[in-house]
Amino acid sequence: LYIVQPLDVRNRPWYQDAAKRGKPGWSKVFPVVDDEILNINAYRPLYDRTNHKLLGVFSVHLNLEKISQFLQKLKIGKSGKVFIIERNGLLIANSIDQKPFLIQNMTQKNRKFQRLKPADSSNALISATGRYLTEKFGGNFKQIKTNTSLEFIKNGQRKFVEVLPFKDKFGLDWLIVVVVPESDFMEQINANNRNT
């Protein structure tokens, strides 16, 4: 039997955000260190219809690891990758089998949770793309307002990048980044040229 100690949810950031904003929204992304996952809460404040007094907040806890699991199933060219970042440049999810954070000091009582940026990725393509985007935009990803097509050269090979803002009316504001090496496009053309 597992007994949950009394918890006053009114002290939770998502509850306070809902009470302050007075309308549905999203919490900030936060870690659940014990489960080693990133989460976000969707919330909606509930009011008494007669006096408009706050009765409570309905909230749904969403595990962001599910997004990475979905992205890992996508086939993006032969070796393309996709990742999602917040406007602050921190990873939400990616298409490789790597968590978007590190946990240090692995004793149960003393654990430090560190969110990663794409440049910190163990995948060379994601890491190079993250460094390129940080340099290109000076670390200020708020200036990306529309779908943006870019390209850069790494180790003599061209990479094509598409940055797609994803924003909703409840406050979610992320960037979806797709990167594909030029060689993925050129492989069949080069094979045809050799055959010709």
Protein backbone atom coordinates (compact mmCIF):
# COMPACT_ATOMS: atom_id res chain seq x y z
CA LEU A 1 0.00 0.00 0.00
CA TYR A 2 1.35 3.44 -0.96
CA ILE A 3 0.11 6.42 1.03
CA VAL A 4 0.44 9.88 -0.43
CA GLN A 5 1.11 12.57 2.12
CA PRO A 6 -1.28 15.53 2.05
CA LEU A 7 -0.21 17.96 -0.65
CA ASP A 8 -1.60 21.46 -1.04
CA VAL A 9 -1.71 21.84 -4.83
CA ARG A 10 -2.40 25.56 -4.44
CA ASN A 11 1.36 25.94 -3.95
CA ARG A 12 2.18 24.22 -7.24
CA PRO A 13 3.38 26.56 -10.06
CA TRP A 14 0.70 25.36 -12.51
CA TYR A 15 -2.05 26.14 -9.97
CA GLN A 16 -0.65 29.59 -9.25
CA ASP A 17 -0.28 30.32 -12.99
CA ALA A 18 -3.91 29.33 -13.60
CA ALA A 19 -5.15 31.45 -10.68
CA LYS A 20 -3.09 34.44 -11.82
CA ARG A 21 -3.94 34.21 -15.55
CA GLY A 22 -7.59 33.30 -15.04
CA LYS A 23 -7.73 31.27 -18.23
CA PRO A 24 -6.51 27.93 -19.65
CA GLY A 25 -2.82 27.55 -20.35
CA TRP A 26 0.36 25.53 -20.09
CA SER A 27 2.81 25.32 -17.22
CA LYS A 28 6.52 25.66 -17.74
CA VAL A 29 8.29 22.43 -18.64
CA PHE A 30 9.51 20.76 -15.45
CA PRO A 31 11.37 17.59 -14.48
CA VAL A 32 10.06 14.72 -12.44
CA VAL A 33 13.42 13.59 -11.16
CA ASP A 34 12.23 10.36 -9.53
CA ASP A 35 10.69 9.18 -12.83
CA GLU A 36 13.48 10.77 -14.92
CA ILE A 37 11.08 12.48 -17.33
CA LEU A 38 10.14 15.97 -18.48
CA ASN A 39 6.56 17.04 -18.01
CA ILE A 40 4.21 19.89 -18.71
CA ASN A 41 0.77 20.59 -17.30
CA ALA A 42 -2.25 21.80 -19.21
CA TYR A 43 -4.53 23.68 -16.80
CA ARG A 44 -7.93 25.34 -16.67
CA PRO A 45 -9.21 27.39 -13.74
CA LEU A 46 -12.77 26.72 -12.61
CA TYR A 47 -14.95 29.54 -11.27
CA ASP A 48 -18.25 29.77 -9.41
CA ARG A 49 -20.79 30.99 -11.97
CA THR A 50 -22.57 33.30 -9.54
CA ASN A 51 -19.72 35.20 -7.88
CA HIS A 52 -16.79 34.29 -10.20
CA LYS A 53 -14.75 33.05 -7.23
CA LEU A 54 -11.99 30.56 -8.07
CA LEU A 55 -13.15 27.09 -7.04
CA GLY A 56 -10.08 25.20 -8.19
CA VAL A 57 -7.91 24.28 -11.13
CA PHE A 58 -8.28 21.26 -13.38
CA SER A 59 -4.87 20.09 -14.59
CA VAL A 60 -3.51 17.29 -16.74
CA HIS A 61 0.07 16.13 -16.32
CA LEU A 62 1.68 15.31 -19.70
CA ASN A 63 4.85 13.23 -20.09
CA LEU A 64 6.98 14.82 -22.86
CA GLU A 65 8.94 11.61 -23.40
CA LYS A 66 5.99 10.45 -25.53
CA ILE A 67 6.89 13.15 -28.07
CA SER A 68 10.45 11.78 -28.37
CA GLN A 69 9.05 8.27 -28.80
CA PHE A 70 6.87 9.55 -31.66
CA LEU A 71 9.76 11.46 -33.29
CA GLN A 72 11.97 8.35 -33.16
CA LYS A 73 9.45 6.53 -35.37
CA LEU A 74 9.64 9.16 -38.12
CA LYS A 75 11.83 8.53 -41.16
CA ILE A 76 13.39 11.80 -42.28
CA GLY A 77 15.35 11.04 -45.39
CA LYS A 78 18.08 8.48 -44.86
CA SER A 79 19.77 10.12 -41.88
CA GLY A 80 17.78 13.28 -41.07
CA LYS A 81 16.88 14.23 -37.52
CA VAL A 82 14.22 16.30 -35.82
CA PHE A 83 14.19 18.00 -32.43
CA ILE A 84 11.92 20.37 -30.57
CA ILE A 85 13.15 23.24 -28.43
CA GLU A 86 11.64 25.92 -26.27
CA ARG A 87 12.32 29.55 -27.16
CA ASN A 88 15.03 29.53 -24.47
CA GLY A 89 16.92 26.95 -26.56
CA LEU A 90 16.37 23.97 -24.25
CA LEU A 91 15.40 20.61 -25.70
CA ILE A 92 11.88 19.27 -25.32
CA ALA A 93 12.25 16.13 -27.45
CA ASN A 94 14.34 14.61 -30.23
CA SER A 95 14.33 11.78 -32.74
CA ILE A 96 17.28 9.93 -31.22
CA ASP A 97 17.34 7.64 -28.23
CA GLN A 98 18.71 10.27 -25.83
CA LYS A 99 16.87 12.07 -23.06
CA PRO A 100 16.83 15.88 -23.37
CA PHE A 101 18.43 16.22 -19.93
CA LEU A 102 21.11 14.81 -17.64
CA ILE A 103 20.78 13.68 -14.05
CA GLN A 104 23.92 14.04 -11.96
CA ASN A 105 24.74 12.82 -8.44
CA MET A 106 22.79 9.63 -8.75
CA THR A 107 22.14 9.15 -5.03
CA GLN A 108 18.41 9.22 -4.39
CA LYS A 109 18.58 12.23 -2.05
CA ASN A 110 21.10 14.32 -3.97
CA ARG A 111 20.18 14.42 -7.66
CA LYS A 112 20.76 17.34 -9.99
CA PHE A 113 18.62 17.68 -13.10
CA GLN A 114 20.17 19.56 -16.04
CA ARG A 115 18.23 20.34 -19.22
CA LEU A 116 20.22 20.08 -22.46
CA LYS A 117 20.50 22.30 -25.50
CA PRO A 118 20.74 20.74 -28.97
CA ALA A 119 24.48 21.57 -29.05
CA ASP A 120 24.88 19.23 -26.04
CA SER A 121 23.39 16.27 -27.93
CA SER A 122 25.39 13.07 -28.36
CA ASN A 123 24.21 13.02 -32.00
CA ALA A 124 26.66 14.86 -34.24
CA LEU A 125 23.98 16.16 -36.64
CA ILE A 126 21.74 17.55 -33.88
CA SER A 127 24.74 18.98 -32.04
CA ALA A 128 26.11 20.73 -35.17
CA THR A 129 22.66 22.09 -36.01
CA GLY A 130 22.21 23.38 -32.47
CA ARG A 131 25.54 25.20 -32.58
CA TYR A 132 24.71 26.64 -36.02
CA LEU A 133 21.30 27.92 -34.90
CA THR A 134 22.72 29.44 -31.71
CA GLU A 135 25.39 31.25 -33.73
CA LYS A 136 22.95 32.30 -36.49
CA PHE A 137 20.39 33.78 -34.09
CA GLY A 138 22.76 34.80 -31.31
CA GLY A 139 20.91 32.49 -28.93
CA ASN A 140 17.73 34.58 -29.37
CA PHE A 141 15.19 32.16 -30.80
CA LYS A 142 12.28 34.54 -30.13
CA GLN A 143 13.07 36.30 -33.40
CA ILE A 144 11.99 33.23 -35.43
CA LYS A 145 8.38 34.10 -36.29
CA THR A 146 7.71 32.05 -39.45
CA ASN A 147 8.90 28.84 -41.08
CA THR A 148 12.58 29.39 -41.80
CA SER A 149 14.71 27.45 -44.28
CA LEU A 150 18.46 27.50 -43.71
CA GLU A 151 21.55 25.62 -44.70
CA PHE A 152 25.05 25.27 -43.32
CA ILE A 153 28.20 23.37 -44.12
CA LYS A 154 29.84 21.04 -41.61
CA ASN A 155 32.93 19.00 -42.51
CA GLY A 156 32.53 19.98 -46.14
CA GLN A 157 28.97 18.69 -46.33
CA ARG A 158 25.85 20.81 -46.70
CA LYS A 159 22.97 20.37 -44.22
CA PHE A 160 19.44 21.64 -44.91
CA VAL A 161 17.50 22.94 -41.90
CA GLU A 162 13.83 23.82 -41.55
CA VAL A 163 12.70 25.63 -38.39
CA LEU A 164 8.95 25.63 -37.81
CA PRO A 165 7.40 27.67 -34.99
CA PHE A 166 4.63 25.83 -33.14
CA LYS A 167 2.40 28.11 -31.11
CA ASP A 168 -1.09 27.68 -29.72
CA LYS A 169 -3.64 30.02 -28.13
CA PHE A 170 -2.92 28.62 -24.65
CA GLY A 171 0.72 29.76 -24.54
CA LEU A 172 2.70 26.86 -25.97
CA ASP A 173 5.56 28.34 -28.02
CA TRP A 174 8.10 25.83 -29.33
CA LEU A 175 10.33 25.44 -32.37
CA ILE A 176 10.41 22.22 -34.40
CA VAL A 177 13.75 21.78 -36.18
CA VAL A 178 14.26 19.30 -39.03
CA VAL A 179 17.77 18.77 -40.41
CA VAL A 180 18.68 16.63 -43.41
CA PRO A 181 22.15 16.20 -44.92
CA GLU A 182 22.43 17.09 -48.61
CA SER A 183 23.86 13.61 -49.17
CA ASP A 184 20.40 12.17 -48.43
CA PHE A 185 19.09 14.01 -51.50
CA MET A 186 22.15 13.49 -53.66
CA GLU A 187 22.64 9.75 -53.11
CA GLN A 188 20.21 8.65 -55.85
CA ILE A 189 21.35 11.40 -58.23
CA ASN A 190 24.99 10.41 -57.74
CA ALA A 191 24.10 6.73 -58.25
CA ASN A 192 22.27 7.64 -61.50
CA ASN A 193 25.27 9.66 -62.66
CA ARG A 194 27.60 6.72 -62.01
CA ASN A 195 25.27 4.37 -63.91
CA THR A 196 25.04 6.82 -66.82
